[in-house]
Amino acid sequence: MAIFFNGPAFGAEDVPKQFWKSDTDGWVVETRPCDGGLCADLVAYKMVHQHLPGYVPTDVKNPNAARHDTPLCGLQLIGGFKRSTRKDGVWDGGWIYDPDSGHTYSGTITQLDADTVKLRGYIGISLFGRTLILRRVADVPTRCAVPPTSP
């Protein structure tokens, strides 16, 4: 399996679609190329509380009230990351959206090994932030789904 975040010839156009899981939070994102860089969308998550059948979690914490009804499934959580020109195995200049708080943070992604990366979100400087470890998921996860809307 190719190393995802590293390599001298690795450019944004080479971003493969892969799945990365946060063991801490139980969500999975799928990476994809976008705007000359790396983005990732939410494709699976664990439900923390019991809900009625057909319940679809939405982006209720978004500071833009018009987005409160947007389903979390498929929501872009990571965007704008470019391979660092200063350090191998690092992507920077991107942002991370946290739907649990409705905040968007600056971020870096650092490769720890072929199947593990460190995702660091922060405000202002990297000293003030949170780090998550993401592990590559070899198999396609069971994707979340948004029920079709009725006409």
N, C-alpha and C. Protein backbone atom coordinates (compact mmCIF):
# COMPACT_ATOMS: atom_id res chain seq x y z
N MET A 1 0.84 -1.17 0.00
CA MET A 1 0.00 0.00 0.00
C MET A 1 0.89 1.24 0.00
N ALA A 2 0.60 2.18 -0.85
CA ALA A 2 1.43 3.38 -0.95
C ALA A 2 1.28 4.26 0.28
N ILE A 3 2.35 4.93 0.60
CA ILE A 3 2.28 5.88 1.70
C ILE A 3 1.48 7.07 1.21
N PHE A 4 0.48 7.43 1.96
CA PHE A 4 -0.47 8.43 1.53
C PHE A 4 0.07 9.85 1.54
N PHE A 5 0.65 10.29 2.62
CA PHE A 5 0.95 11.70 2.81
C PHE A 5 2.39 12.07 2.51
N ASN A 6 3.16 11.23 1.90
CA ASN A 6 4.58 11.52 1.75
C ASN A 6 5.06 11.17 0.36
N GLY A 7 6.27 11.57 0.05
CA GLY A 7 6.90 11.22 -1.21
C GLY A 7 7.26 12.46 -1.99
N PRO A 8 8.44 12.49 -2.57
CA PRO A 8 8.90 13.69 -3.25
C PRO A 8 8.07 14.07 -4.46
N ALA A 9 7.44 13.10 -5.12
CA ALA A 9 6.68 13.41 -6.33
C ALA A 9 5.19 13.50 -6.04
N PHE A 10 4.82 13.52 -4.78
CA PHE A 10 3.41 13.47 -4.40
C PHE A 10 2.81 14.86 -4.46
N GLY A 11 1.87 15.06 -5.36
CA GLY A 11 1.21 16.35 -5.48
C GLY A 11 -0.26 16.23 -5.19
N ALA A 12 -0.94 17.34 -5.13
CA ALA A 12 -2.36 17.33 -4.79
C ALA A 12 -3.18 16.50 -5.77
N GLU A 13 -2.77 16.48 -7.04
CA GLU A 13 -3.52 15.70 -8.03
C GLU A 13 -3.41 14.21 -7.77
N ASP A 14 -2.48 13.79 -6.93
CA ASP A 14 -2.28 12.39 -6.61
C ASP A 14 -3.02 11.94 -5.35
N VAL A 15 -3.83 12.80 -4.76
CA VAL A 15 -4.54 12.44 -3.52
C VAL A 15 -5.51 11.30 -3.83
N PRO A 16 -5.27 10.14 -3.25
CA PRO A 16 -6.19 9.02 -3.51
C PRO A 16 -7.41 9.10 -2.59
N LYS A 17 -8.47 8.44 -3.02
CA LYS A 17 -9.63 8.32 -2.14
C LYS A 17 -9.31 7.19 -1.17
N GLN A 18 -9.22 7.56 0.10
CA GLN A 18 -8.93 6.60 1.16
C GLN A 18 -9.77 6.94 2.37
N PHE A 19 -9.87 5.97 3.28
CA PHE A 19 -10.68 6.15 4.48
C PHE A 19 -9.77 6.22 5.70
N TRP A 20 -10.06 7.19 6.60
CA TRP A 20 -9.28 7.41 7.82
C TRP A 20 -10.24 7.52 8.98
N LYS A 21 -9.94 6.79 10.07
CA LYS A 21 -10.84 6.72 11.22
C LYS A 21 -10.21 7.33 12.45
N SER A 22 -11.02 8.06 13.20
CA SER A 22 -10.64 8.54 14.52
C SER A 22 -11.16 7.51 15.52
N ASP A 23 -10.25 6.75 16.14
CA ASP A 23 -10.67 5.77 17.14
C ASP A 23 -11.30 6.46 18.34
N THR A 24 -10.83 7.67 18.66
CA THR A 24 -11.34 8.41 19.80
C THR A 24 -12.79 8.81 19.61
N ASP A 25 -13.11 9.36 18.43
CA ASP A 25 -14.44 9.89 18.19
C ASP A 25 -15.35 8.95 17.40
N GLY A 26 -14.78 7.91 16.79
CA GLY A 26 -15.58 6.93 16.08
C GLY A 26 -16.09 7.34 14.72
N TRP A 27 -15.54 8.38 14.12
CA TRP A 27 -15.98 8.78 12.79
C TRP A 27 -14.94 8.41 11.75
N VAL A 28 -15.38 8.33 10.50
CA VAL A 28 -14.51 7.99 9.37
C VAL A 28 -14.69 9.07 8.30
N VAL A 29 -13.56 9.52 7.74
CA VAL A 29 -13.59 10.46 6.62
C VAL A 29 -13.01 9.78 5.39
N GLU A 30 -13.46 10.24 4.23
CA GLU A 30 -12.90 9.79 2.95
C GLU A 30 -12.15 10.96 2.34
N THR A 31 -10.87 10.74 2.04
CA THR A 31 -10.07 11.81 1.44
C THR A 31 -10.35 11.89 -0.05
N ARG A 32 -10.10 13.08 -0.58
CA ARG A 32 -10.26 13.32 -2.01
C ARG A 32 -9.47 14.57 -2.39
N PRO A 33 -9.08 14.67 -3.66
CA PRO A 33 -8.43 15.92 -4.08
C PRO A 33 -9.48 17.02 -4.23
N CYS A 34 -9.09 18.24 -3.90
CA CYS A 34 -9.98 19.38 -4.13
C CYS A 34 -9.17 20.67 -4.12
N ASP A 35 -9.51 21.56 -4.99
CA ASP A 35 -8.87 22.88 -5.05
C ASP A 35 -7.35 22.79 -4.97
N GLY A 36 -6.76 21.82 -5.66
CA GLY A 36 -5.31 21.67 -5.67
C GLY A 36 -4.74 21.15 -4.37
N GLY A 37 -5.56 20.57 -3.54
CA GLY A 37 -5.09 20.07 -2.25
C GLY A 37 -5.86 18.86 -1.78
N LEU A 38 -5.92 18.68 -0.48
CA LEU A 38 -6.54 17.53 0.15
C LEU A 38 -7.78 17.98 0.92
N CYS A 39 -8.87 17.26 0.73
CA CYS A 39 -10.10 17.47 1.48
C CYS A 39 -10.59 16.12 1.98
N ALA A 40 -11.54 16.12 2.91
CA ALA A 40 -12.11 14.87 3.40
C ALA A 40 -13.54 15.12 3.86
N ASP A 41 -14.39 14.14 3.56
CA ASP A 41 -15.81 14.21 3.89
C ASP A 41 -16.17 13.12 4.90
N LEU A 42 -17.10 13.43 5.78
CA LEU A 42 -17.58 12.47 6.77
C LEU A 42 -18.41 11.39 6.08
N VAL A 43 -18.02 10.11 6.26
CA VAL A 43 -18.76 9.03 5.60
C VAL A 43 -19.30 8.00 6.59
N ALA A 44 -18.86 8.05 7.85
CA ALA A 44 -19.38 7.12 8.86
C ALA A 44 -19.15 7.74 10.23
N TYR A 45 -20.06 7.46 11.15
CA TYR A 45 -19.92 7.94 12.53
C TYR A 45 -20.74 7.04 13.43
N LYS A 46 -20.40 7.07 14.71
CA LYS A 46 -21.19 6.28 15.67
C LYS A 46 -22.20 7.20 16.33
N MET A 47 -23.36 6.66 16.58
CA MET A 47 -24.40 7.41 17.27
C MET A 47 -24.13 7.30 18.77
N VAL A 48 -24.10 8.42 19.44
CA VAL A 48 -23.80 8.44 20.86
C VAL A 48 -25.04 8.12 21.68
N HIS A 49 -26.21 8.56 21.23
CA HIS A 49 -27.45 8.34 21.95
C HIS A 49 -28.43 7.57 21.07
N GLN A 50 -29.40 6.92 21.70
CA GLN A 50 -30.46 6.24 20.95
C GLN A 50 -31.37 7.27 20.29
N HIS A 51 -31.78 7.00 19.06
CA HIS A 51 -32.66 7.91 18.34
C HIS A 51 -33.76 7.10 17.67
N LEU A 52 -34.83 7.76 17.32
CA LEU A 52 -35.92 7.12 16.61
C LEU A 52 -35.44 6.69 15.22
N PRO A 53 -36.04 5.62 14.67
CA PRO A 53 -35.68 5.21 13.31
C PRO A 53 -35.87 6.37 12.34
N GLY A 54 -34.94 6.49 11.39
CA GLY A 54 -35.02 7.56 10.41
C GLY A 54 -34.37 8.86 10.85
N TYR A 55 -33.88 8.91 12.09
CA TYR A 55 -33.21 10.12 12.58
C TYR A 55 -31.94 10.37 11.77
N VAL A 56 -31.74 11.60 11.36
CA VAL A 56 -30.55 12.00 10.61
C VAL A 56 -29.89 13.16 11.36
N PRO A 57 -28.67 12.93 11.90
CA PRO A 57 -27.98 14.04 12.58
C PRO A 57 -27.68 15.16 11.60
N THR A 58 -27.88 16.39 12.05
CA THR A 58 -27.64 17.56 11.20
C THR A 58 -26.64 18.50 11.87
N ASP A 59 -26.22 19.48 11.12
CA ASP A 59 -25.17 20.41 11.54
C ASP A 59 -25.76 21.54 12.40
N VAL A 60 -26.39 21.17 13.52
CA VAL A 60 -27.12 22.13 14.36
C VAL A 60 -26.22 23.15 15.06
N LYS A 61 -24.94 22.88 15.20
CA LYS A 61 -24.02 23.81 15.87
C LYS A 61 -23.37 24.79 14.90
N ASN A 62 -23.65 24.66 13.61
CA ASN A 62 -23.05 25.55 12.63
C ASN A 62 -23.43 27.00 12.95
N PRO A 63 -22.45 27.93 12.92
CA PRO A 63 -22.78 29.32 13.22
C PRO A 63 -23.73 29.96 12.19
N ASN A 64 -23.82 29.36 11.01
CA ASN A 64 -24.75 29.83 9.99
C ASN A 64 -26.07 29.06 10.17
N ALA A 65 -27.08 29.72 10.70
CA ALA A 65 -28.36 29.06 11.00
C ALA A 65 -28.98 28.41 9.78
N ALA A 66 -28.69 28.91 8.59
CA ALA A 66 -29.24 28.33 7.37
C ALA A 66 -28.69 26.92 7.12
N ARG A 67 -27.60 26.54 7.78
CA ARG A 67 -26.99 25.22 7.59
C ARG A 67 -27.38 24.22 8.67
N HIS A 68 -28.23 24.60 9.60
CA HIS A 68 -28.60 23.72 10.71
C HIS A 68 -29.30 22.44 10.25
N ASP A 69 -29.95 22.46 9.12
CA ASP A 69 -30.64 21.27 8.61
C ASP A 69 -29.77 20.43 7.68
N THR A 70 -28.51 20.81 7.48
CA THR A 70 -27.60 20.07 6.61
C THR A 70 -27.21 18.76 7.30
N PRO A 71 -27.42 17.62 6.65
CA PRO A 71 -27.04 16.34 7.26
C PRO A 71 -25.52 16.26 7.50
N LEU A 72 -25.12 15.65 8.60
CA LEU A 72 -23.70 15.45 8.86
C LEU A 72 -23.10 14.46 7.88
N CYS A 73 -23.87 13.49 7.45
CA CYS A 73 -23.38 12.50 6.51
C CYS A 73 -22.99 13.20 5.20
N GLY A 74 -21.74 13.02 4.80
CA GLY A 74 -21.24 13.64 3.58
C GLY A 74 -20.68 15.03 3.78
N LEU A 75 -20.77 15.57 4.98
CA LEU A 75 -20.29 16.93 5.26
C LEU A 75 -18.77 16.99 5.14
N GLN A 76 -18.28 18.03 4.48
CA GLN A 76 -16.82 18.21 4.38
C GLN A 76 -16.30 18.68 5.73
N LEU A 77 -15.38 17.91 6.32
CA LEU A 77 -14.79 18.25 7.61
C LEU A 77 -13.37 18.78 7.49
N ILE A 78 -12.69 18.47 6.39
CA ILE A 78 -11.29 18.83 6.21
C ILE A 78 -11.13 19.42 4.82
N GLY A 79 -10.40 20.54 4.72
CA GLY A 79 -10.22 21.14 3.41
C GLY A 79 -8.98 22.02 3.33
N GLY A 80 -8.55 22.24 2.09
CA GLY A 80 -7.49 23.20 1.82
C GLY A 80 -6.08 22.79 2.17
N PHE A 81 -5.84 21.55 2.55
CA PHE A 81 -4.49 21.13 2.93
C PHE A 81 -3.61 20.96 1.70
N LYS A 82 -2.41 21.46 1.79
CA LYS A 82 -1.40 21.32 0.73
C LYS A 82 -0.16 20.67 1.34
N ARG A 83 0.56 19.94 0.51
CA ARG A 83 1.80 19.32 0.98
C ARG A 83 2.76 20.43 1.38
N SER A 84 3.35 20.30 2.55
CA SER A 84 4.26 21.32 3.07
C SER A 84 5.51 21.42 2.20
N THR A 85 5.94 22.63 1.96
CA THR A 85 7.19 22.86 1.24
C THR A 85 8.37 22.85 2.19
N ARG A 86 8.09 22.85 3.49
CA ARG A 86 9.15 22.91 4.50
C ARG A 86 9.51 21.56 5.10
N LYS A 87 8.56 20.61 5.10
CA LYS A 87 8.80 19.38 5.83
C LYS A 87 8.09 18.21 5.15
N ASP A 88 8.82 17.11 4.88
CA ASP A 88 8.23 15.91 4.31
C ASP A 88 7.24 15.29 5.28
N GLY A 89 6.19 14.69 4.73
CA GLY A 89 5.22 13.99 5.55
C GLY A 89 4.25 14.90 6.27
N VAL A 90 4.22 16.18 5.89
CA VAL A 90 3.33 17.14 6.54
C VAL A 90 2.49 17.85 5.48
N TRP A 91 1.22 18.00 5.78
CA TRP A 91 0.31 18.81 4.98
C TRP A 91 -0.15 19.94 5.88
N ASP A 92 -0.16 21.17 5.35
CA ASP A 92 -0.56 22.29 6.19
C ASP A 92 -1.38 23.29 5.39
N GLY A 93 -1.72 24.41 6.04
CA GLY A 93 -2.49 25.46 5.38
C GLY A 93 -3.96 25.13 5.23
N GLY A 94 -4.43 24.09 5.87
CA GLY A 94 -5.81 23.68 5.72
C GLY A 94 -6.68 24.05 6.90
N TRP A 95 -7.90 23.60 6.85
CA TRP A 95 -8.86 23.85 7.92
C TRP A 95 -9.58 22.56 8.30
N ILE A 96 -10.10 22.55 9.52
CA ILE A 96 -10.83 21.41 10.06
C ILE A 96 -12.11 21.94 10.68
N TYR A 97 -13.24 21.38 10.28
CA TYR A 97 -14.52 21.79 10.84
C TYR A 97 -14.95 20.76 11.88
N ASP A 98 -15.35 21.23 13.05
CA ASP A 98 -15.82 20.36 14.13
C ASP A 98 -17.32 20.56 14.30
N PRO A 99 -18.16 19.64 13.79
CA PRO A 99 -19.60 19.84 13.90
C PRO A 99 -20.12 19.74 15.33
N ASP A 100 -19.32 19.17 16.25
CA ASP A 100 -19.74 19.11 17.65
C ASP A 100 -19.74 20.48 18.30
N SER A 101 -18.90 21.39 17.80
CA SER A 101 -18.83 22.74 18.37
C SER A 101 -19.28 23.81 17.38
N GLY A 102 -19.26 23.49 16.09
CA GLY A 102 -19.57 24.47 15.06
C GLY A 102 -18.39 25.38 14.73
N HIS A 103 -17.21 25.04 15.24
CA HIS A 103 -16.02 25.85 14.99
C HIS A 103 -15.18 25.27 13.86
N THR A 104 -14.50 26.17 13.16
CA THR A 104 -13.55 25.78 12.13
C THR A 104 -12.17 26.20 12.60
N TYR A 105 -11.22 25.28 12.50
CA TYR A 105 -9.87 25.49 13.01
C TYR A 105 -8.85 25.41 11.88
N SER A 106 -7.72 26.10 12.06
CA SER A 106 -6.57 25.89 11.19
C SER A 106 -6.03 24.52 11.52
N GLY A 107 -5.22 23.93 10.62
CA GLY A 107 -4.75 22.60 10.93
C GLY A 107 -3.52 22.17 10.18
N THR A 108 -2.95 21.07 10.67
CA THR A 108 -1.85 20.38 10.01
C THR A 108 -2.13 18.88 10.09
N ILE A 109 -1.59 18.17 9.12
CA ILE A 109 -1.66 16.71 9.10
C ILE A 109 -0.22 16.23 9.00
N THR A 110 0.17 15.37 9.95
CA THR A 110 1.53 14.85 9.97
C THR A 110 1.49 13.34 9.90
N GLN A 111 2.23 12.78 8.96
CA GLN A 111 2.29 11.33 8.81
C GLN A 111 3.17 10.75 9.90
N LEU A 112 2.63 9.79 10.65
CA LEU A 112 3.40 9.09 11.68
C LEU A 112 3.98 7.80 11.12
N ASP A 113 3.20 7.09 10.31
CA ASP A 113 3.68 5.92 9.57
C ASP A 113 2.73 5.74 8.38
N ALA A 114 2.89 4.67 7.63
CA ALA A 114 2.11 4.48 6.41
C ALA A 114 0.60 4.46 6.65
N ASP A 115 0.18 4.06 7.85
CA ASP A 115 -1.24 3.92 8.12
C ASP A 115 -1.75 4.79 9.26
N THR A 116 -0.95 5.75 9.71
CA THR A 116 -1.34 6.59 10.84
C THR A 116 -0.91 8.03 10.60
N VAL A 117 -1.85 8.96 10.83
CA VAL A 117 -1.53 10.38 10.74
C VAL A 117 -2.03 11.09 11.99
N LYS A 118 -1.41 12.23 12.25
CA LYS A 118 -1.80 13.09 13.36
C LYS A 118 -2.49 14.31 12.76
N LEU A 119 -3.74 14.53 13.14
CA LEU A 119 -4.51 15.67 12.69
C LEU A 119 -4.55 16.68 13.83
N ARG A 120 -3.98 17.86 13.61
CA ARG A 120 -3.90 18.89 14.65
C ARG A 120 -4.74 20.09 14.23
N GLY A 121 -5.75 20.42 15.04
CA GLY A 121 -6.56 21.60 14.81
C GLY A 121 -6.26 22.63 15.87
N TYR A 122 -6.22 23.90 15.48
CA TYR A 122 -5.86 24.94 16.44
C TYR A 122 -6.43 26.29 16.02
N ILE A 123 -6.44 27.20 16.98
CA ILE A 123 -6.83 28.59 16.73
C ILE A 123 -5.59 29.44 16.92
N GLY A 124 -5.24 30.21 15.92
CA GLY A 124 -4.07 31.09 16.04
C GLY A 124 -2.76 30.35 15.86
N ILE A 125 -2.23 29.81 16.94
CA ILE A 125 -0.98 29.06 16.86
C ILE A 125 -1.21 27.63 17.29
N SER A 126 -0.38 26.73 16.79
CA SER A 126 -0.56 25.30 17.01
C SER A 126 -0.50 24.90 18.48
N LEU A 127 0.08 25.75 19.31
CA LEU A 127 0.19 25.45 20.74
C LEU A 127 -1.19 25.29 21.39
N PHE A 128 -2.17 26.06 20.90
CA PHE A 128 -3.51 26.02 21.46
C PHE A 128 -4.43 25.23 20.54
N GLY A 129 -4.55 23.95 20.79
CA GLY A 129 -5.38 23.14 19.93
C GLY A 129 -5.59 21.74 20.44
N ARG A 130 -6.04 20.89 19.55
CA ARG A 130 -6.35 19.49 19.86
C ARG A 130 -5.76 18.62 18.76
N THR A 131 -5.27 17.45 19.17
CA THR A 131 -4.69 16.50 18.23
C THR A 131 -5.51 15.22 18.23
N LEU A 132 -5.79 14.71 17.04
CA LEU A 132 -6.45 13.42 16.88
C LEU A 132 -5.52 12.52 16.06
N ILE A 133 -5.51 11.26 16.41
CA ILE A 133 -4.79 10.26 15.62
C ILE A 133 -5.81 9.60 14.70
N LEU A 134 -5.50 9.57 13.40
CA LEU A 134 -6.35 8.91 12.42
C LEU A 134 -5.61 7.71 11.86
N ARG A 135 -6.33 6.61 11.74
CA ARG A 135 -5.75 5.38 11.20
C ARG A 135 -6.44 5.05 9.89
N ARG A 136 -5.62 4.60 8.95
CA ARG A 136 -6.16 4.19 7.65
C ARG A 136 -7.08 2.99 7.84
N VAL A 137 -8.23 3.02 7.17
CA VAL A 137 -9.18 1.92 7.19
C VAL A 137 -9.01 1.19 5.86
N ALA A 138 -8.62 -0.08 5.92
CA ALA A 138 -8.35 -0.83 4.70
C ALA A 138 -9.63 -1.14 3.92
N ASP A 139 -10.70 -1.47 4.62
CA ASP A 139 -11.95 -1.83 3.95
C ASP A 139 -12.88 -0.63 3.90
N VAL A 140 -13.72 -0.60 2.89
CA VAL A 140 -14.71 0.47 2.78
C VAL A 140 -15.67 0.32 3.96
N PRO A 141 -15.82 1.38 4.76
CA PRO A 141 -16.73 1.28 5.91
C PRO A 141 -18.19 1.29 5.46
N THR A 142 -19.05 0.87 6.37
CA THR A 142 -20.48 1.01 6.11
C THR A 142 -20.77 2.50 6.15
N ARG A 143 -21.15 3.01 5.00
CA ARG A 143 -21.35 4.47 4.89
C ARG A 143 -22.66 4.90 5.54
N CYS A 144 -22.60 6.08 6.13
CA CYS A 144 -23.84 6.67 6.63
C CYS A 144 -24.69 7.03 5.40
N ALA A 145 -25.95 7.20 5.63
CA ALA A 145 -26.85 7.51 4.52
C ALA A 145 -27.88 8.52 4.97
N VAL A 146 -28.28 9.35 4.04
CA VAL A 146 -29.31 10.32 4.30
C VAL A 146 -30.57 9.83 3.58
N PRO A 147 -31.65 9.63 4.32
CA PRO A 147 -32.88 9.16 3.66
C PRO A 147 -33.35 10.19 2.62
N PRO A 148 -33.91 9.70 1.53
CA PRO A 148 -34.41 10.65 0.52
C PRO A 148 -35.55 11.49 1.10
N THR A 149 -35.65 12.72 0.63
CA THR A 149 -36.73 13.58 1.11
C THR A 149 -38.00 13.27 0.31
N SER A 150 -39.10 13.44 0.96
CA SER A 150 -40.39 13.19 0.29
C SER A 150 -40.79 14.40 -0.53
N PRO A 151 -41.43 14.15 -1.68
CA PRO A 151 -41.87 15.29 -2.52
C PRO A 151 -43.02 16.04 -1.91
